[in-house]
C-alpha cells in the first residue's frame, strides 16, 4: 500500500482544514475493505482511493510555521501515519 498527500489546505466555505490522500498499490479486496470500513469522505478512481480527512485547527498537521519550513518531513510523517491508521483498520475483525 502506498499513501501520498495530494492536496491540503483550508476550505473557506466550510471553515475546515483538510488533507486529501491518494491510496494506491492495493488489491481489489483491500480496496473494498477500506471503502466499507472508513467513514471519512472517499472517492474511488482508477483503482485508487482518494481519502479526505477534515481537521480542527489545533490538529491540522500543516498549520505550523515549522511544517512549511520542513514540508517534506511533515508530509512523509503524515503519509506514514495514514498507512498505520489504514493498516489498523484493515486488521480489525
PDB file of N, CA and C in Angstrom:
ATOM      1  N   UNK A   1       0.850  -1.170   0.000  1.00  0.00           N
ATOM      2  CA  UNK A   1       0.000   0.000   0.000  1.00  0.00           C
ATOM      3  C   UNK A   1       0.895   1.232   0.000  1.00  0.00           C
ATOM      4  N   UNK A   2       0.499   2.196  -0.793  1.00  0.00           N
ATOM      5  CA  UNK A   2       1.211   3.472  -0.851  1.00  0.00           C
ATOM      6  C   UNK A   2       0.212   4.587  -0.562  1.00  0.00           C
ATOM      7  N   UNK A   3       0.615   5.541   0.248  1.00  0.00           N
ATOM      8  CA  UNK A   3      -0.224   6.692   0.575  1.00  0.00           C
ATOM      9  C   UNK A   3       0.562   7.960   0.274  1.00  0.00           C
ATOM     10  N   UNK A   4      -0.079   8.864  -0.445  1.00  0.00           N
ATOM     11  CA  UNK A   4       0.539  10.151  -0.770  1.00  0.00           C
ATOM     12  C   UNK A   4      -0.432  11.279  -0.456  1.00  0.00           C
ATOM     13  N   UNK A   5       0.085  12.336   0.135  1.00  0.00           N
ATOM     14  CA  UNK A   5      -0.699  13.552   0.313  1.00  0.00           C
ATOM     15  C   UNK A   5      -0.752  14.231  -1.047  1.00  0.00           C
ATOM     16  N   UNK A   6      -1.968  14.456  -1.550  1.00  0.00           N
ATOM     17  CA  UNK A   6      -2.107  15.068  -2.874  1.00  0.00           C
ATOM     18  C   UNK A   6      -2.673  16.480  -2.822  1.00  0.00           C
ATOM     19  N   UNK A   7      -3.248  16.862  -1.691  1.00  0.00           N
ATOM     20  CA  UNK A   7      -3.796  18.205  -1.554  1.00  0.00           C
ATOM     21  C   UNK A   7      -4.028  18.471  -0.067  1.00  0.00           C
ATOM     22  N   UNK A   8      -4.004  19.731   0.299  1.00  0.00           N
ATOM     23  CA  UNK A   8      -4.257  20.107   1.687  1.00  0.00           C
ATOM     24  C   UNK A   8      -4.559  21.593   1.725  1.00  0.00           C
ATOM     25  N   UNK A   9      -5.199  22.013   2.800  1.00  0.00           N
ATOM     26  CA  UNK A   9      -5.471  23.441   2.916  1.00  0.00           C
ATOM     27  C   UNK A   9      -6.645  23.729   3.813  1.00  0.00           C
ATOM     28  N   UNK A  10      -7.252  24.882   3.564  1.00  0.00           N
ATOM     29  CA  UNK A  10      -8.382  25.369   4.351  1.00  0.00           C
ATOM     30  C   UNK A  10      -9.519  25.673   3.403  1.00  0.00           C
ATOM     31  N   UNK A  11     -10.692  25.178   3.717  1.00  0.00           N
ATOM     32  CA  UNK A  11     -11.881  25.441   2.905  1.00  0.00           C
ATOM     33  C   UNK A  11     -12.635  26.622   3.509  1.00  0.00           C
ATOM     34  N   UNK A  12     -12.671  27.710   2.788  1.00  0.00           N
ATOM     35  CA  UNK A  12     -13.338  28.919   3.278  1.00  0.00           C
ATOM     36  C   UNK A  12     -14.826  28.693   3.507  1.00  0.00           C
ATOM     37  N   UNK A  13     -15.481  27.992   2.573  1.00  0.00           N
ATOM     38  CA  UNK A  13     -16.932  27.826   2.678  1.00  0.00           C
ATOM     39  C   UNK A  13     -17.362  27.043   3.918  1.00  0.00           C
ATOM     40  N   UNK A  14     -16.605  26.018   4.285  1.00  0.00           N
ATOM     41  CA  UNK A  14     -16.969  25.217   5.460  1.00  0.00           C
ATOM     42  C   UNK A  14     -16.111  25.529   6.683  1.00  0.00           C
ATOM     43  N   UNK A  15     -15.112  26.391   6.506  1.00  0.00           N
ATOM     44  CA  UNK A  15     -14.214  26.795   7.597  1.00  0.00           C
ATOM     45  C   UNK A  15     -13.522  25.594   8.239  1.00  0.00           C
ATOM     46  N   UNK A  16     -13.032  24.666   7.377  1.00  0.00           N
ATOM     47  CA  UNK A  16     -12.360  23.471   7.880  1.00  0.00           C
ATOM     48  C   UNK A  16     -11.035  23.265   7.159  1.00  0.00           C
ATOM     49  N   UNK A  17     -10.078  22.737   7.912  1.00  0.00           N
ATOM     50  CA  UNK A  17      -8.811  22.301   7.330  1.00  0.00           C
ATOM     51  C   UNK A  17      -8.985  20.890   6.799  1.00  0.00           C
ATOM     52  N   UNK A  18      -8.254  20.544   5.750  1.00  0.00           N
ATOM     53  CA  UNK A  18      -8.360  19.208   5.177  1.00  0.00           C
ATOM     54  C   UNK A  18      -7.015  18.738   4.650  1.00  0.00           C
ATOM     55  N   UNK A  19      -6.896  17.417   4.546  1.00  0.00           N
ATOM     56  CA  UNK A  19      -5.780  16.787   3.844  1.00  0.00           C
ATOM     57  C   UNK A  19      -6.400  15.697   2.983  1.00  0.00           C
ATOM     58  N   UNK A  20      -6.021  15.670   1.709  1.00  0.00           N
ATOM     59  CA  UNK A  20      -6.501  14.637   0.789  1.00  0.00           C
ATOM     60  C   UNK A  20      -5.346  13.687   0.500  1.00  0.00           C
ATOM     61  N   UNK A  21      -5.609  12.401   0.654  1.00  0.00           N
ATOM     62  CA  UNK A  21      -4.612  11.356   0.461  1.00  0.00           C
ATOM     63  C   UNK A  21      -5.008  10.488  -0.730  1.00  0.00           C
ATOM     64  N   UNK A  22      -4.016  10.044  -1.459  1.00  0.00           N
ATOM     65  CA  UNK A  22      -4.216   9.059  -2.521  1.00  0.00           C
ATOM     66  C   UNK A  22      -3.672   7.737  -1.995  1.00  0.00           C
ATOM     67  N   UNK A  23      -4.547   6.730  -1.951  1.00  0.00           N
ATOM     68  CA  UNK A  23      -4.164   5.394  -1.501  1.00  0.00           C
ATOM     69  C   UNK A  23      -4.090   4.517  -2.741  1.00  0.00           C
ATOM     70  N   UNK A  24      -2.910   3.985  -3.014  1.00  0.00           N
ATOM     71  CA  UNK A  24      -2.709   3.209  -4.230  1.00  0.00           C
ATOM     72  C   UNK A  24      -1.929   1.937  -3.930  1.00  0.00           C
ATOM     73  N   UNK A  25      -1.698   1.167  -4.976  1.00  0.00           N
ATOM     74  CA  UNK A  25      -0.953  -0.087  -4.865  1.00  0.00           C
ATOM     75  C   UNK A  25      -1.637  -1.047  -3.891  1.00  0.00           C
ATOM     76  N   UNK A  26      -2.961  -1.184  -4.067  1.00  0.00           N
ATOM     77  CA  UNK A  26      -3.750  -2.105  -3.240  1.00  0.00           C
ATOM     78  C   UNK A  26      -4.580  -2.990  -4.157  1.00  0.00           C
ATOM     79  N   UNK A  27      -4.876  -4.179  -3.673  1.00  0.00           N
ATOM     80  CA  UNK A  27      -5.684  -5.094  -4.477  1.00  0.00           C
ATOM     81  C   UNK A  27      -7.170  -4.793  -4.292  1.00  0.00           C
ATOM     82  N   UNK A  28      -7.998  -5.473  -5.067  1.00  0.00           N
ATOM     83  CA  UNK A  28      -9.441  -5.229  -5.065  1.00  0.00           C
ATOM     84  C   UNK A  28     -10.041  -5.494  -3.692  1.00  0.00           C
ATOM     85  N   UNK A  29      -9.659  -6.571  -3.040  1.00  0.00           N
ATOM     86  CA  UNK A  29     -10.199  -6.913  -1.729  1.00  0.00           C
ATOM     87  C   UNK A  29      -9.854  -5.835  -0.698  1.00  0.00           C
ATOM     88  N   UNK A  30      -8.622  -5.397  -0.689  1.00  0.00           N
ATOM     89  CA  UNK A  30      -8.207  -4.350   0.241  1.00  0.00           C
ATOM     90  C   UNK A  30      -8.948  -3.057  -0.042  1.00  0.00           C
ATOM     91  N   UNK A  31      -9.105  -2.725  -1.299  1.00  0.00           N
ATOM     92  CA  UNK A  31      -9.843  -1.511  -1.674  1.00  0.00           C
ATOM     93  C   UNK A  31     -11.276  -1.572  -1.152  1.00  0.00           C
ATOM     94  N   UNK A  32     -11.932  -2.718  -1.312  1.00  0.00           N
ATOM     95  CA  UNK A  32     -13.309  -2.880  -0.821  1.00  0.00           C
ATOM     96  C   UNK A  32     -13.368  -2.748   0.695  1.00  0.00           C
ATOM     97  N   UNK A  33     -12.411  -3.342   1.398  1.00  0.00           N
ATOM     98  CA  UNK A  33     -12.393  -3.249   2.858  1.00  0.00           C
ATOM     99  C   UNK A  33     -12.245  -1.803   3.309  1.00  0.00           C
ATOM    100  N   UNK A  34     -11.347  -1.083   2.671  1.00  0.00           N
ATOM    101  CA  UNK A  34     -11.131   0.318   3.041  1.00  0.00           C
ATOM    102  C   UNK A  34     -12.405   1.122   2.816  1.00  0.00           C
ATOM    103  N   UNK A  35     -13.022   0.945   1.673  1.00  0.00           N
ATOM    104  CA  UNK A  35     -14.245   1.685   1.345  1.00  0.00           C
ATOM    105  C   UNK A  35     -15.360   1.352   2.336  1.00  0.00           C
ATOM    106  N   UNK A  36     -15.464   0.088   2.728  1.00  0.00           N
ATOM    107  CA  UNK A  36     -16.529  -0.325   3.647  1.00  0.00           C
ATOM    108  C   UNK A  36     -16.272   0.077   5.098  1.00  0.00           C
ATOM    109  N   UNK A  37     -15.011   0.173   5.501  1.00  0.00           N
ATOM    110  CA  UNK A  37     -14.694   0.412   6.909  1.00  0.00           C
ATOM    111  C   UNK A  37     -14.496   1.882   7.261  1.00  0.00           C
ATOM    112  N   UNK A  38     -14.003   2.671   6.337  1.00  0.00           N
ATOM    113  CA  UNK A  38     -13.747   4.081   6.646  1.00  0.00           C
ATOM    114  C   UNK A  38     -15.017   4.901   6.453  1.00  0.00           C
ATOM    115  N   UNK A  39     -15.268   5.783   7.397  1.00  0.00           N
ATOM    116  CA  UNK A  39     -16.451   6.627   7.332  1.00  0.00           C
ATOM    117  C   UNK A  39     -16.153   8.004   6.755  1.00  0.00           C
ATOM    118  N   UNK A  40     -14.889   8.302   6.549  1.00  0.00           N
ATOM    119  CA  UNK A  40     -14.498   9.599   6.018  1.00  0.00           C
ATOM    120  C   UNK A  40     -14.889   9.712   4.538  1.00  0.00           C
ATOM    121  N   UNK A  41     -14.712  10.904   4.000  1.00  0.00           N
ATOM    122  CA  UNK A  41     -15.042  11.160   2.600  1.00  0.00           C
ATOM    123  C   UNK A  41     -14.079  10.390   1.688  1.00  0.00           C
ATOM    124  N   UNK A  42     -14.625   9.523   0.830  1.00  0.00           N
ATOM    125  CA  UNK A  42     -13.818   8.683  -0.061  1.00  0.00           C
ATOM    126  C   UNK A  42     -14.313   8.792  -1.496  1.00  0.00           C
ATOM    127  N   UNK A  43     -13.374   8.705  -2.429  1.00  0.00           N
ATOM    128  CA  UNK A  43     -13.704   8.584  -3.848  1.00  0.00           C
ATOM    129  C   UNK A  43     -12.771   7.548  -4.437  1.00  0.00           C
ATOM    130  N   UNK A  44     -13.323   6.640  -5.238  1.00  0.00           N
ATOM    131  CA  UNK A  44     -12.511   5.629  -5.913  1.00  0.00           C
ATOM    132  C   UNK A  44     -12.401   6.037  -7.374  1.00  0.00           C
ATOM    133  N   UNK A  45     -11.145   6.071  -7.852  1.00  0.00           N
ATOM    134  CA  UNK A  45     -10.907   6.456  -9.239  1.00  0.00           C
ATOM    135  C   UNK A  45      -9.673   5.718  -9.737  1.00  0.00           C
ATOM    136  N   UNK A  46      -9.822   4.998 -10.834  1.00  0.00           N
ATOM    137  CA  UNK A  46      -8.700   4.294 -11.472  1.00  0.00           C
ATOM    138  C   UNK A  46      -7.925   3.409 -10.492  1.00  0.00           C
ATOM    139  N   UNK A  47      -8.623   2.584  -9.742  1.00  0.00           N
ATOM    140  CA  UNK A  47      -8.027   1.641  -8.784  1.00  0.00           C
ATOM    141  C   UNK A  47      -7.382   2.315  -7.576  1.00  0.00           C
ATOM    142  N   UNK A  48      -7.549   3.606  -7.449  1.00  0.00           N
ATOM    143  CA  UNK A  48      -7.011   4.342  -6.310  1.00  0.00           C
ATOM    144  C   UNK A  48      -8.157   4.869  -5.461  1.00  0.00           C
ATOM    145  N   UNK A  49      -7.869   5.076  -4.193  1.00  0.00           N
ATOM    146  CA  UNK A  49      -8.838   5.688  -3.294  1.00  0.00           C
ATOM    147  C   UNK A  49      -8.312   7.069  -2.929  1.00  0.00           C
ATOM    148  N   UNK A  50      -9.190   8.045  -2.993  1.00  0.00           N
ATOM    149  CA  UNK A  50      -8.863   9.398  -2.554  1.00  0.00           C
ATOM    150  C   UNK A  50      -9.648   9.645  -1.276  1.00  0.00           C
ATOM    151  N   UNK A  51      -8.927   9.804  -0.193  1.00  0.00           N
ATOM    152  CA  UNK A  51      -9.493   9.966   1.137  1.00  0.00           C
ATOM    153  C   UNK A  51      -9.279  11.395   1.592  1.00  0.00           C
ATOM    154  N   UNK A  52     -10.351  12.052   2.006  1.00  0.00           N
ATOM    155  CA  UNK A  52     -10.241  13.413   2.531  1.00  0.00           C
ATOM    156  C   UNK A  52     -10.551  13.385   4.017  1.00  0.00           C
ATOM    157  N   UNK A  53      -9.599  13.881   4.787  1.00  0.00           N
ATOM    158  CA  UNK A  53      -9.757  13.981   6.241  1.00  0.00           C
ATOM    159  C   UNK A  53      -9.883  15.460   6.587  1.00  0.00           C
ATOM    160  N   UNK A  54     -10.803  15.754   7.507  1.00  0.00           N
ATOM    161  CA  UNK A  54     -11.004  17.126   7.974  1.00  0.00           C
ATOM    162  C   UNK A  54     -10.473  17.245   9.392  1.00  0.00           C
ATOM    163  N   UNK A  55      -9.882  18.383   9.699  1.00  0.00           N
ATOM    164  CA  UNK A  55      -9.205  18.580  10.974  1.00  0.00           C
ATOM    165  C   UNK A  55      -9.669  19.860  11.653  1.00  0.00           C
ATOM    166  N   UNK A  56      -9.756  19.788  12.968  1.00  0.00           N
ATOM    167  CA  UNK A  56      -9.899  21.003  13.764  1.00  0.00           C
ATOM    168  C   UNK A  56      -8.564  21.742  13.664  1.00  0.00           C
ATOM    169  N   UNK A  57      -8.584  23.022  13.844  1.00  0.00           N
ATOM    170  CA  UNK A  57      -7.391  23.846  13.687  1.00  0.00           C
ATOM    171  C   UNK A  57      -6.194  23.323  14.476  1.00  0.00           C
ATOM    172  N   UNK A  58      -6.408  22.942  15.724  1.00  0.00           N
ATOM    173  CA  UNK A  58      -5.291  22.520  16.574  1.00  0.00           C
ATOM    174  C   UNK A  58      -4.689  21.176  16.168  1.00  0.00           C
ATOM    175  N   UNK A  59      -5.400  20.388  15.362  1.00  0.00           N
ATOM    176  CA  UNK A  59      -4.897  19.075  14.947  1.00  0.00           C
ATOM    177  C   UNK A  59      -4.418  19.037  13.501  1.00  0.00           C
ATOM    178  N   UNK A  60      -4.565  20.120  12.796  1.00  0.00           N
ATOM    179  CA  UNK A  60      -4.182  20.165  11.390  1.00  0.00           C
ATOM    180  C   UNK A  60      -2.661  20.029  11.270  1.00  0.00           C
ATOM    181  N   UNK A  61      -2.163  19.023  10.530  1.00  0.00           N
ATOM    182  CA  UNK A  61      -0.723  18.737  10.518  1.00  0.00           C
ATOM    183  C   UNK A  61       0.161  19.755   9.807  1.00  0.00           C
ATOM    184  N   UNK A  62      -0.406  20.613   8.977  1.00  0.00           N
ATOM    185  CA  UNK A  62       0.412  21.548   8.206  1.00  0.00           C
ATOM    186  C   UNK A  62       0.180  23.010   8.588  1.00  0.00           C
ATOM    187  N   UNK A  63      -0.273  23.246   9.793  1.00  0.00           N
ATOM    188  CA  UNK A  63      -0.598  24.612  10.194  1.00  0.00           C
ATOM    189  C   UNK A  63       0.609  25.389  10.720  1.00  0.00           C
ATOM    190  N   UNK A  64       1.539  24.707  11.330  1.00  0.00           N
ATOM    191  CA  UNK A  64       2.661  25.398  11.976  1.00  0.00           C
ATOM    192  C   UNK A  64       3.650  25.975  10.956  1.00  0.00           C
ATOM    193  N   UNK A  65       4.394  26.970  11.402  1.00  0.00           N
ATOM    194  CA  UNK A  65       5.437  27.568  10.565  1.00  0.00           C
ATOM    195  C   UNK A  65       6.505  26.523  10.240  1.00  0.00           C
ATOM    196  N   UNK A  66       6.843  25.708  11.229  1.00  0.00           N
ATOM    197  CA  UNK A  66       7.854  24.666  11.031  1.00  0.00           C
ATOM    198  C   UNK A  66       7.438  23.661   9.951  1.00  0.00           C
ATOM    199  N   UNK A  67       6.133  23.360   9.884  1.00  0.00           N
ATOM    200  CA  UNK A  67       5.668  22.405   8.867  1.00  0.00           C
ATOM    201  C   UNK A  67       5.883  22.941   7.457  1.00  0.00           C
ATOM    202  N   UNK A  68       5.879  24.244   7.299  1.00  0.00           N
ATOM    203  CA  UNK A  68       6.129  24.845   5.981  1.00  0.00           C
ATOM    204  C   UNK A  68       7.627  24.906   5.678  1.00  0.00           C
ATOM    205  N   UNK A  69       8.418  25.093   6.719  1.00  0.00           N
ATOM    206  CA  UNK A  69       9.867  25.140   6.527  1.00  0.00           C
ATOM    207  C   UNK A  69      10.446  23.755   6.244  1.00  0.00           C
ATOM    208  N   UNK A  70       9.836  22.731   6.827  1.00  0.00           N
ATOM    209  CA  UNK A  70      10.299  21.347   6.640  1.00  0.00           C
ATOM    210  C   UNK A  70       9.159  20.503   6.081  1.00  0.00           C
ATOM    211  N   UNK A  71       8.540  20.997   5.021  1.00  0.00           N
ATOM    212  CA  UNK A  71       7.329  20.378   4.494  1.00  0.00           C
ATOM    213  C   UNK A  71       7.523  18.909   4.136  1.00  0.00           C
ATOM    214  N   UNK A  72       8.606  18.570   3.476  1.00  0.00           N
ATOM    215  CA  UNK A  72       8.821  17.184   3.056  1.00  0.00           C
ATOM    216  C   UNK A  72       8.822  16.228   4.252  1.00  0.00           C
ATOM    217  N   UNK A  73       9.416  16.650   5.360  1.00  0.00           N
ATOM    218  CA  UNK A  73       9.422  15.823   6.565  1.00  0.00           C
ATOM    219  C   UNK A  73       8.010  15.645   7.130  1.00  0.00           C
ATOM    220  N   UNK A  74       7.272  16.740   7.195  1.00  0.00           N
ATOM    221  CA  UNK A  74       5.913  16.679   7.730  1.00  0.00           C
ATOM    222  C   UNK A  74       5.000  15.862   6.819  1.00  0.00           C
ATOM    223  N   UNK A  75       5.165  16.027   5.519  1.00  0.00           N
ATOM    224  CA  UNK A  75       4.359  15.268   4.550  1.00  0.00           C
ATOM    225  C   UNK A  75       4.659  13.782   4.678  1.00  0.00           C
ATOM    226  N   UNK A  76       5.917  13.417   4.760  1.00  0.00           N
ATOM    227  CA  UNK A  76       6.298  11.998   4.899  1.00  0.00           C
ATOM    228  C   UNK A  76       5.733  11.416   6.185  1.00  0.00           C
ATOM    229  N   UNK A  77       5.821  12.173   7.267  1.00  0.00           N
ATOM    230  CA  UNK A  77       5.278  11.685   8.537  1.00  0.00           C
ATOM    231  C   UNK A  77       3.760  11.489   8.449  1.00  0.00           C
ATOM    232  N   UNK A  78       3.081  12.413   7.809  1.00  0.00           N
ATOM    233  CA  UNK A  78       1.627  12.313   7.651  1.00  0.00           C
ATOM    234  C   UNK A  78       1.263  11.082   6.815  1.00  0.00           C
ATOM    235  N   UNK A  79       2.024  10.795   5.778  1.00  0.00           N
ATOM    236  CA  UNK A  79       1.771   9.620   4.935  1.00  0.00           C
ATOM    237  C   UNK A  79       2.000   8.331   5.719  1.00  0.00           C
ATOM    238  N   UNK A  80       3.057   8.287   6.520  1.00  0.00           N
ATOM    239  CA  UNK A  80       3.338   7.106   7.346  1.00  0.00           C
ATOM    240  C   UNK A  80       2.234   6.897   8.376  1.00  0.00           C
ATOM    241  N   UNK A  81       1.797   7.976   9.003  1.00  0.00           N
ATOM    242  CA  UNK A  81       0.720   7.868   9.990  1.00  0.00           C
ATOM    243  C   UNK A  81      -0.570   7.366   9.355  1.00  0.00           C
ATOM    244  N   UNK A  82      -0.851   7.791   8.125  1.00  0.00           N
ATOM    245  CA  UNK A  82      -2.068   7.327   7.454  1.00  0.00           C
ATOM    246  C   UNK A  82      -1.948   5.850   7.089  1.00  0.00           C
ATOM    247  N   UNK A  83      -0.779   5.396   6.670  1.00  0.00           N
ATOM    248  CA  UNK A  83      -0.577   3.964   6.399  1.00  0.00           C
ATOM    249  C   UNK A  83      -0.834   3.164   7.672  1.00  0.00           C
ATOM    250  N   UNK A  84      -0.317   3.631   8.792  1.00  0.00           N
ATOM    251  CA  UNK A  84      -0.529   2.936  10.069  1.00  0.00           C
ATOM    252  C   UNK A  84      -2.011   2.920  10.435  1.00  0.00           C
ATOM    253  N   UNK A  85      -2.692   4.037  10.256  1.00  0.00           N
ATOM    254  CA  UNK A  85      -4.123   4.122  10.559  1.00  0.00           C
ATOM    255  C   UNK A  85      -4.926   3.142   9.694  1.00  0.00           C
ATOM    256  N   UNK A  86      -4.690   3.156   8.394  1.00  0.00           N
ATOM    257  CA  UNK A  86      -5.434   2.275   7.487  1.00  0.00           C
ATOM    258  C   UNK A  86      -5.099   0.814   7.789  1.00  0.00           C
ATOM    259  N   UNK A  87      -3.840   0.510   8.053  1.00  0.00           N
ATOM    260  CA  UNK A  87      -3.451  -0.866   8.391  1.00  0.00           C
ATOM    261  C   UNK A  87      -4.182  -1.348   9.633  1.00  0.00           C
ATOM    262  N   UNK A  88      -4.311  -0.479  10.634  1.00  0.00           N
ATOM    263  CA  UNK A  88      -5.018  -0.878  11.853  1.00  0.00           C
ATOM    264  C   UNK A  88      -6.496  -1.122  11.583  1.00  0.00           C
ATOM    265  N   UNK A  89      -7.085  -0.334  10.709  1.00  0.00           N
ATOM    266  CA  UNK A  89      -8.488  -0.536  10.334  1.00  0.00           C
ATOM    267  C   UNK A  89      -8.664  -1.867   9.600  1.00  0.00           C
ATOM    268  N   UNK A  90      -7.717  -2.195   8.739  1.00  0.00           N
ATOM    269  CA  UNK A  90      -7.800  -3.440   7.969  1.00  0.00           C
ATOM    270  C   UNK A  90      -7.605  -4.669   8.849  1.00  0.00           C
ATOM    271  N   UNK A  91      -6.874  -4.529   9.946  1.00  0.00           N
ATOM    272  CA  UNK A  91      -6.618  -5.660  10.835  1.00  0.00           C
ATOM    273  C   UNK A  91      -7.786  -5.966  11.769  1.00  0.00           C
ATOM    274  N   UNK A  92      -8.729  -5.031  11.902  1.00  0.00           N
ATOM    275  CA  UNK A  92      -9.886  -5.260  12.757  1.00  0.00           C
ATOM    276  C   UNK A  92     -10.740  -6.398  12.209  1.00  0.00           C
ATOM    277  N   UNK A  93     -11.473  -7.031  13.093  1.00  0.00           N
ATOM    278  CA  UNK A  93     -12.401  -8.149  12.793  1.00  0.00           C
ATOM    279  C   UNK A  93     -11.795  -9.441  13.072  1.00  0.00           C
TER     280      UNK A  93
END
